[in-house]
Amino acid sequence: LLVSVREHVDAGGGGVSLADAAVVVSGGRGVGSAE
C-alpha cells in the first residue's frame, strides 16, 4: 500500500470525454497558435 492514488484531479473543460467521444476533431502544429 506504499504506492497508491491519493487524489483525482478533474481535467476541467467539461464537454465530451476524449476517450469516449464518437467524433474527435484534433489540431496539430499546422493550426498555428492556441487562439
PDB file of all heavy atoms in Angstrom:
ATOM      1  N   LEU A   1       0.817  -1.218   0.000  1.00  0.00           N
ATOM      2  CA  LEU A   1       0.000   0.000   0.000  1.00  0.00           C
ATOM      3  C   LEU A   1       0.848   1.263   0.000  1.00  0.00           C
ATOM      4  O   LEU A   1       0.328   2.372   0.148  1.00  0.00           O
ATOM      5  CB  LEU A   1      -0.927   0.003   1.222  1.00  0.00           C
ATOM      6  CG  LEU A   1      -1.946  -1.137   1.263  1.00  0.00           C
ATOM      7  CD1 LEU A   1      -2.681  -1.135   2.594  1.00  0.00           C
ATOM      8  CD2 LEU A   1      -2.932  -1.029   0.110  1.00  0.00           C
ATOM      9  N   LEU A   2       2.156   1.087  -0.218  1.00  0.00           N
ATOM     10  CA  LEU A   2       3.059   2.237  -0.189  1.00  0.00           C
ATOM     11  C   LEU A   2       2.783   3.187  -1.352  1.00  0.00           C
ATOM     12  O   LEU A   2       2.792   4.409  -1.197  1.00  0.00           O
ATOM     13  CB  LEU A   2       4.514   1.759  -0.230  1.00  0.00           C
ATOM     14  CG  LEU A   2       5.591   2.838  -0.110  1.00  0.00           C
ATOM     15  CD1 LEU A   2       5.483   3.543   1.235  1.00  0.00           C
ATOM     16  CD2 LEU A   2       6.978   2.220  -0.274  1.00  0.00           C
ATOM     17  N   VAL A   3       2.519   2.623  -2.537  1.00  0.00           N
ATOM     18  CA  VAL A   3       2.206   3.429  -3.719  1.00  0.00           C
ATOM     19  C   VAL A   3       0.713   3.331  -3.992  1.00  0.00           C
ATOM     20  O   VAL A   3       0.186   2.229  -4.177  1.00  0.00           O
ATOM     21  CB  VAL A   3       2.999   2.937  -4.953  1.00  0.00           C
ATOM     22  CG1 VAL A   3       2.587   3.722  -6.192  1.00  0.00           C
ATOM     23  CG2 VAL A   3       4.498   3.058  -4.711  1.00  0.00           C
ATOM     24  N   SER A   4       0.034   4.444  -3.997  1.00  0.00           N
ATOM     25  CA  SER A   4      -1.400   4.440  -4.262  1.00  0.00           C
ATOM     26  C   SER A   4      -1.842   5.802  -4.766  1.00  0.00           C
ATOM     27  O   SER A   4      -1.150   6.807  -4.567  1.00  0.00           O
ATOM     28  CB  SER A   4      -2.199   4.061  -3.006  1.00  0.00           C
ATOM     29  OG  SER A   4      -2.050   5.051  -2.014  1.00  0.00           O
ATOM     30  N   VAL A   5      -2.971   5.808  -5.423  1.00  0.00           N
ATOM     31  CA  VAL A   5      -3.551   7.068  -5.894  1.00  0.00           C
ATOM     32  C   VAL A   5      -4.208   7.769  -4.708  1.00  0.00           C
ATOM     33  O   VAL A   5      -5.062   7.198  -4.033  1.00  0.00           O
ATOM     34  CB  VAL A   5      -4.591   6.814  -7.008  1.00  0.00           C
ATOM     35  CG1 VAL A   5      -5.292   8.109  -7.388  1.00  0.00           C
ATOM     36  CG2 VAL A   5      -3.914   6.193  -8.226  1.00  0.00           C
ATOM     37  N   ARG A   6      -3.819   9.000  -4.465  1.00  0.00           N
ATOM     38  CA  ARG A   6      -4.353   9.748  -3.327  1.00  0.00           C
ATOM     39  C   ARG A   6      -5.399  10.773  -3.738  1.00  0.00           C
ATOM     40  O   ARG A   6      -6.216  11.195  -2.925  1.00  0.00           O
ATOM     41  CB  ARG A   6      -3.213  10.479  -2.601  1.00  0.00           C
ATOM     42  CG  ARG A   6      -2.167   9.552  -2.010  1.00  0.00           C
ATOM     43  CD  ARG A   6      -2.780   8.570  -1.023  1.00  0.00           C
ATOM     44  NE  ARG A   6      -1.761   7.746  -0.374  1.00  0.00           N
ATOM     45  CZ  ARG A   6      -2.034   6.682   0.348  1.00  0.00           C
ATOM     46  NH1 ARG A   6      -3.287   6.286   0.496  1.00  0.00           N
ATOM     47  NH2 ARG A   6      -1.068   5.980   0.904  1.00  0.00           N
ATOM     48  N   GLU A   7      -5.380  11.185  -5.009  1.00  0.00           N
ATOM     49  CA  GLU A   7      -6.292  12.242  -5.412  1.00  0.00           C
ATOM     50  C   GLU A   7      -6.545  12.159  -6.907  1.00  0.00           C
ATOM     51  O   GLU A   7      -5.644  11.817  -7.681  1.00  0.00           O
ATOM     52  CB  GLU A   7      -5.703  13.610  -5.065  1.00  0.00           C
ATOM     53  CG  GLU A   7      -6.595  14.781  -5.405  1.00  0.00           C
ATOM     54  CD  GLU A   7      -5.940  16.119  -5.082  1.00  0.00           C
ATOM     55  OE1 GLU A   7      -4.750  16.114  -4.676  1.00  0.00           O
ATOM     56  OE2 GLU A   7      -6.598  17.157  -5.234  1.00  0.00           O
ATOM     57  N   HIS A   8      -7.765  12.435  -7.307  1.00  0.00           N
ATOM     58  CA  HIS A   8      -8.117  12.546  -8.714  1.00  0.00           C
ATOM     59  C   HIS A   8      -8.405  14.011  -9.014  1.00  0.00           C
ATOM     60  O   HIS A   8      -9.234  14.633  -8.333  1.00  0.00           O
ATOM     61  CB  HIS A   8      -9.353  11.707  -9.050  1.00  0.00           C
ATOM     62  CG  HIS A   8      -9.106  10.231  -8.990  1.00  0.00           C
ATOM     63  ND1 HIS A   8      -8.586   9.515 -10.045  1.00  0.00           N
ATOM     64  CD2 HIS A   8      -9.290   9.338  -7.988  1.00  0.00           C
ATOM     65  CE1 HIS A   8      -8.472   8.240  -9.705  1.00  0.00           C
ATOM     66  NE2 HIS A   8      -8.890   8.111  -8.458  1.00  0.00           N
ATOM     67  N   VAL A   9      -7.714  14.563  -9.998  1.00  0.00           N
ATOM     68  CA  VAL A   9      -7.898  15.962 -10.357  1.00  0.00           C
ATOM     69  C   VAL A   9      -8.665  16.030 -11.672  1.00  0.00           C
ATOM     70  O   VAL A   9      -8.238  15.463 -12.682  1.00  0.00           O
ATOM     71  CB  VAL A   9      -6.535  16.677 -10.508  1.00  0.00           C
ATOM     72  CG1 VAL A   9      -6.738  18.133 -10.918  1.00  0.00           C
ATOM     73  CG2 VAL A   9      -5.757  16.598  -9.209  1.00  0.00           C
ATOM     74  N   ASP A  10      -9.794  16.713 -11.644  1.00  0.00           N
ATOM     75  CA  ASP A  10     -10.618  16.861 -12.841  1.00  0.00           C
ATOM     76  C   ASP A  10      -9.863  17.685 -13.866  1.00  0.00           C
ATOM     77  O   ASP A  10      -9.334  18.769 -13.551  1.00  0.00           O
ATOM     78  CB  ASP A  10     -11.935  17.555 -12.471  1.00  0.00           C
ATOM     79  CG  ASP A  10     -12.935  17.561 -13.623  1.00  0.00           C
ATOM     80  OD1 ASP A  10     -12.568  17.153 -14.740  1.00  0.00           O
ATOM     81  OD2 ASP A  10     -14.092  17.979 -13.387  1.00  0.00           O
ATOM     82  N   ALA A  11      -9.794  17.166 -15.103  1.00  0.00           N
ATOM     83  CA  ALA A  11      -9.103  17.903 -16.163  1.00  0.00           C
ATOM     84  C   ALA A  11      -9.805  19.196 -16.494  1.00  0.00           C
ATOM     85  O   ALA A  11      -9.226  20.115 -17.078  1.00  0.00           O
ATOM     86  CB  ALA A  11      -8.996  17.031 -17.419  1.00  0.00           C
ATOM     87  N   GLY A  12     -11.089  19.294 -16.134  1.00  0.00           N
ATOM     88  CA  GLY A  12     -11.832  20.531 -16.382  1.00  0.00           C
ATOM     89  C   GLY A  12     -12.260  20.638 -17.829  1.00  0.00           C
ATOM     90  O   GLY A  12     -12.002  19.779 -18.670  1.00  0.00           O
ATOM     91  N   GLY A  13     -12.908  21.724 -18.133  1.00  0.00           N
ATOM     92  CA  GLY A  13     -13.315  21.977 -19.514  1.00  0.00           C
ATOM     93  C   GLY A  13     -14.680  21.417 -19.838  1.00  0.00           C
ATOM     94  O   GLY A  13     -15.346  21.876 -20.757  1.00  0.00           O
ATOM     95  N   GLY A  14     -15.143  20.401 -19.095  1.00  0.00           N
ATOM     96  CA  GLY A  14     -16.460  19.826 -19.365  1.00  0.00           C
ATOM     97  C   GLY A  14     -16.526  19.250 -20.759  1.00  0.00           C
ATOM     98  O   GLY A  14     -15.530  18.876 -21.363  1.00  0.00           O
ATOM     99  N   GLY A  15     -17.726  19.196 -21.315  1.00  0.00           N
ATOM    100  CA  GLY A  15     -17.899  18.724 -22.676  1.00  0.00           C
ATOM    101  C   GLY A  15     -17.748  17.229 -22.798  1.00  0.00           C
ATOM    102  O   GLY A  15     -17.890  16.473 -21.844  1.00  0.00           O
ATOM    103  N   VAL A  16     -17.408  16.791 -24.016  1.00  0.00           N
ATOM    104  CA  VAL A  16     -17.348  15.380 -24.351  1.00  0.00           C
ATOM    105  C   VAL A  16     -15.989  14.815 -23.965  1.00  0.00           C
ATOM    106  O   VAL A  16     -14.952  15.418 -24.234  1.00  0.00           O
ATOM    107  CB  VAL A  16     -17.600  15.181 -25.857  1.00  0.00           C
ATOM    108  CG1 VAL A  16     -17.621  13.704 -26.214  1.00  0.00           C
ATOM    109  CG2 VAL A  16     -18.904  15.854 -26.265  1.00  0.00           C
ATOM    110  N   SER A  17     -15.985  13.643 -23.348  1.00  0.00           N
ATOM    111  CA  SER A  17     -14.734  12.978 -22.979  1.00  0.00           C
ATOM    112  C   SER A  17     -13.999  12.518 -24.232  1.00  0.00           C
ATOM    113  O   SER A  17     -14.591  11.913 -25.131  1.00  0.00           O
ATOM    114  CB  SER A  17     -15.022  11.784 -22.076  1.00  0.00           C
ATOM    115  OG  SER A  17     -13.895  10.948 -21.967  1.00  0.00           O
ATOM    116  N   LEU A  18     -12.699  12.799 -24.291  1.00  0.00           N
ATOM    117  CA  LEU A  18     -11.892  12.434 -25.448  1.00  0.00           C
ATOM    118  C   LEU A  18     -11.894  10.927 -25.665  1.00  0.00           C
ATOM    119  O   LEU A  18     -12.019  10.447 -26.797  1.00  0.00           O
ATOM    120  CB  LEU A  18     -10.466  12.942 -25.260  1.00  0.00           C
ATOM    121  CG  LEU A  18      -9.501  12.818 -26.437  1.00  0.00           C
ATOM    122  CD1 LEU A  18     -10.011  13.607 -27.632  1.00  0.00           C
ATOM    123  CD2 LEU A  18      -8.113  13.308 -26.041  1.00  0.00           C
ATOM    124  N   ALA A  19     -11.771  10.148 -24.597  1.00  0.00           N
ATOM    125  CA  ALA A  19     -11.689   8.692 -24.719  1.00  0.00           C
ATOM    126  C   ALA A  19     -13.006   8.070 -25.161  1.00  0.00           C
ATOM    127  O   ALA A  19     -13.011   7.010 -25.786  1.00  0.00           O
ATOM    128  CB  ALA A  19     -11.243   8.086 -23.400  1.00  0.00           C
ATOM    129  N   ASP A  20     -14.130   8.712 -24.841  1.00  0.00           N
ATOM    130  CA  ASP A  20     -15.439   8.113 -25.105  1.00  0.00           C
ATOM    131  C   ASP A  20     -16.176   8.743 -26.278  1.00  0.00           C
ATOM    132  O   ASP A  20     -17.252   8.271 -26.655  1.00  0.00           O
ATOM    133  CB  ASP A  20     -16.323   8.230 -23.860  1.00  0.00           C
ATOM    134  CG  ASP A  20     -15.720   7.530 -22.653  1.00  0.00           C
ATOM    135  OD1 ASP A  20     -15.044   6.505 -22.856  1.00  0.00           O
ATOM    136  OD2 ASP A  20     -15.913   8.015 -21.522  1.00  0.00           O
ATOM    137  N   ALA A  21     -15.649   9.800 -26.854  1.00  0.00           N
ATOM    138  CA  ALA A  21     -16.362  10.550 -27.884  1.00  0.00           C
ATOM    139  C   ALA A  21     -16.563   9.733 -29.155  1.00  0.00           C
ATOM    140  O   ALA A  21     -15.677   8.985 -29.585  1.00  0.00           O
ATOM    141  CB  ALA A  21     -15.600  11.828 -28.216  1.00  0.00           C
ATOM    142  N   ALA A  22     -17.719   9.887 -29.777  1.00  0.00           N
ATOM    143  CA  ALA A  22     -17.995   9.232 -31.060  1.00  0.00           C
ATOM    144  C   ALA A  22     -17.311   9.960 -32.206  1.00  0.00           C
ATOM    145  O   ALA A  22     -17.030   9.376 -33.256  1.00  0.00           O
ATOM    146  CB  ALA A  22     -19.497   9.174 -31.301  1.00  0.00           C
ATOM    147  N   VAL A  23     -17.050  11.250 -32.017  1.00  0.00           N
ATOM    148  CA  VAL A  23     -16.349  12.055 -33.022  1.00  0.00           C
ATOM    149  C   VAL A  23     -15.284  12.868 -32.303  1.00  0.00           C
ATOM    150  O   VAL A  23     -15.538  13.435 -31.238  1.00  0.00           O
ATOM    151  CB  VAL A  23     -17.309  13.011 -33.770  1.00  0.00           C
ATOM    152  CG1 VAL A  23     -16.548  13.829 -34.815  1.00  0.00           C
ATOM    153  CG2 VAL A  23     -18.449  12.237 -34.415  1.00  0.00           C
ATOM    154  N   VAL A  24     -14.086  12.917 -32.867  1.00  0.00           N
ATOM    155  CA  VAL A  24     -12.997  13.721 -32.311  1.00  0.00           C
ATOM    156  C   VAL A  24     -12.416  14.583 -33.420  1.00  0.00           C
ATOM    157  O   VAL A  24     -12.118  14.091 -34.520  1.00  0.00           O
ATOM    158  CB  VAL A  24     -11.881  12.836 -31.706  1.00  0.00           C
ATOM    159  CG1 VAL A  24     -10.705  13.697 -31.238  1.00  0.00           C
ATOM    160  CG2 VAL A  24     -12.415  11.996 -30.553  1.00  0.00           C
ATOM    161  N   VAL A  25     -12.280  15.875 -33.148  1.00  0.00           N
ATOM    162  CA  VAL A  25     -11.630  16.807 -34.066  1.00  0.00           C
ATOM    163  C   VAL A  25     -10.346  17.267 -33.400  1.00  0.00           C
ATOM    164  O   VAL A  25     -10.377  17.844 -32.314  1.00  0.00           O
ATOM    165  CB  VAL A  25     -12.523  18.016 -34.381  1.00  0.00           C
ATOM    166  CG1 VAL A  25     -11.838  18.918 -35.423  1.00  0.00           C
ATOM    167  CG2 VAL A  25     -13.886  17.574 -34.893  1.00  0.00           C
ATOM    168  N   SER A  26      -9.200  17.013 -34.038  1.00  0.00           N
ATOM    169  CA  SER A  26      -7.906  17.345 -33.448  1.00  0.00           C
ATOM    170  C   SER A  26      -7.160  18.360 -34.296  1.00  0.00           C
ATOM    171  O   SER A  26      -7.305  18.394 -35.521  1.00  0.00           O
ATOM    172  CB  SER A  26      -7.031  16.101 -33.292  1.00  0.00           C
ATOM    173  OG  SER A  26      -7.447  15.304 -32.216  1.00  0.00           O
ATOM    174  N   GLY A  27      -6.347  19.148 -33.640  1.00  0.00           N
ATOM    175  CA  GLY A  27      -5.477  20.086 -34.334  1.00  0.00           C
ATOM    176  C   GLY A  27      -4.030  19.813 -34.031  1.00  0.00           C
ATOM    177  O   GLY A  27      -3.682  19.373 -32.922  1.00  0.00           O
ATOM    178  N   GLY A  28      -3.175  20.092 -35.003  1.00  0.00           N
ATOM    179  CA  GLY A  28      -1.747  19.905 -34.823  1.00  0.00           C
ATOM    180  C   GLY A  28      -0.984  21.202 -34.934  1.00  0.00           C
ATOM    181  O   GLY A  28      -1.561  22.303 -34.854  1.00  0.00           O
ATOM    182  N   ARG A  29       0.312  21.088 -35.163  1.00  0.00           N
ATOM    183  CA  ARG A  29       1.156  22.264 -35.279  1.00  0.00           C
ATOM    184  C   ARG A  29       0.649  23.211 -36.374  1.00  0.00           C
ATOM    185  O   ARG A  29       0.811  24.428 -36.304  1.00  0.00           O
ATOM    186  CB  ARG A  29       2.589  21.836 -35.582  1.00  0.00           C
ATOM    187  CG  ARG A  29       3.616  22.944 -35.406  1.00  0.00           C
ATOM    188  CD  ARG A  29       4.945  22.542 -36.040  1.00  0.00           C
ATOM    189  NE  ARG A  29       5.422  21.265 -35.556  1.00  0.00           N
ATOM    190  CZ  ARG A  29       6.190  21.121 -34.475  1.00  0.00           C
ATOM    191  NH1 ARG A  29       6.511  22.181 -33.765  1.00  0.00           N
ATOM    192  NH2 ARG A  29       6.605  19.931 -34.114  1.00  0.00           N
ATOM    193  N   GLY A  30       0.024  22.625 -37.393  1.00  0.00           N
ATOM    194  CA  GLY A  30      -0.468  23.424 -38.502  1.00  0.00           C
ATOM    195  C   GLY A  30      -1.565  24.400 -38.148  1.00  0.00           C
ATOM    196  O   GLY A  30      -1.875  25.313 -38.922  1.00  0.00           O
ATOM    197  N   VAL A  31      -2.178  24.256 -36.964  1.00  0.00           N
ATOM    198  CA  VAL A  31      -3.205  25.208 -36.538  1.00  0.00           C
ATOM    199  C   VAL A  31      -2.579  26.582 -36.319  1.00  0.00           C
ATOM    200  O   VAL A  31      -3.191  27.612 -36.599  1.00  0.00           O
ATOM    201  CB  VAL A  31      -3.917  24.714 -35.261  1.00  0.00           C
ATOM    202  CG1 VAL A  31      -4.883  25.760 -34.732  1.00  0.00           C
ATOM    203  CG2 VAL A  31      -4.657  23.408 -35.548  1.00  0.00           C
ATOM    204  N   GLY A  32      -1.362  26.600 -35.792  1.00  0.00           N
ATOM    205  CA  GLY A  32      -0.612  27.843 -35.735  1.00  0.00           C
ATOM    206  C   GLY A  32      -0.500  28.498 -34.378  1.00  0.00           C
ATOM    207  O   GLY A  32       0.532  29.095 -34.064  1.00  0.00           O
ATOM    208  N   SER A  33      -1.528  28.418 -33.546  1.00  0.00           N
ATOM    209  CA  SER A  33      -1.486  29.055 -32.242  1.00  0.00           C
ATOM    210  C   SER A  33      -2.645  28.561 -31.386  1.00  0.00           C
ATOM    211  O   SER A  33      -3.583  27.927 -31.900  1.00  0.00           O
ATOM    212  CB  SER A  33      -1.577  30.583 -32.363  1.00  0.00           C
ATOM    213  OG  SER A  33      -2.867  30.963 -32.828  1.00  0.00           O
ATOM    214  N   ALA A  34      -2.592  28.877 -30.094  1.00  0.00           N
ATOM    215  CA  ALA A  34      -3.684  28.497 -29.206  1.00  0.00           C
ATOM    216  C   ALA A  34      -4.981  29.191 -29.612  1.00  0.00           C
ATOM    217  O   ALA A  34      -6.059  28.591 -29.598  1.00  0.00           O
ATOM    218  CB  ALA A  34      -3.319  28.849 -27.763  1.00  0.00           C
ATOM    219  N   GLU A  35      -4.875  30.458 -29.992  1.00  0.00           N
ATOM    220  CA  GLU A  35      -6.060  31.219 -30.376  1.00  0.00           C
ATOM    221  C   GLU A  35      -6.688  30.663 -31.647  1.00  0.00           C
ATOM    222  O   GLU A  35      -7.913  30.672 -31.813  1.00  0.00           O
ATOM    223  CB  GLU A  35      -5.705  32.694 -30.565  1.00  0.00           C
ATOM    224  CG  GLU A  35      -5.266  33.424 -29.312  1.00  0.00           C
ATOM    225  CD  GLU A  35      -3.865  33.027 -28.837  1.00  0.00           C
ATOM    226  OE1 GLU A  35      -3.077  32.530 -29.673  1.00  0.00           O
ATOM    227  OE2 GLU A  35      -3.581  33.200 -27.639  1.00  0.00           O
TER     228      GLU A  35
END
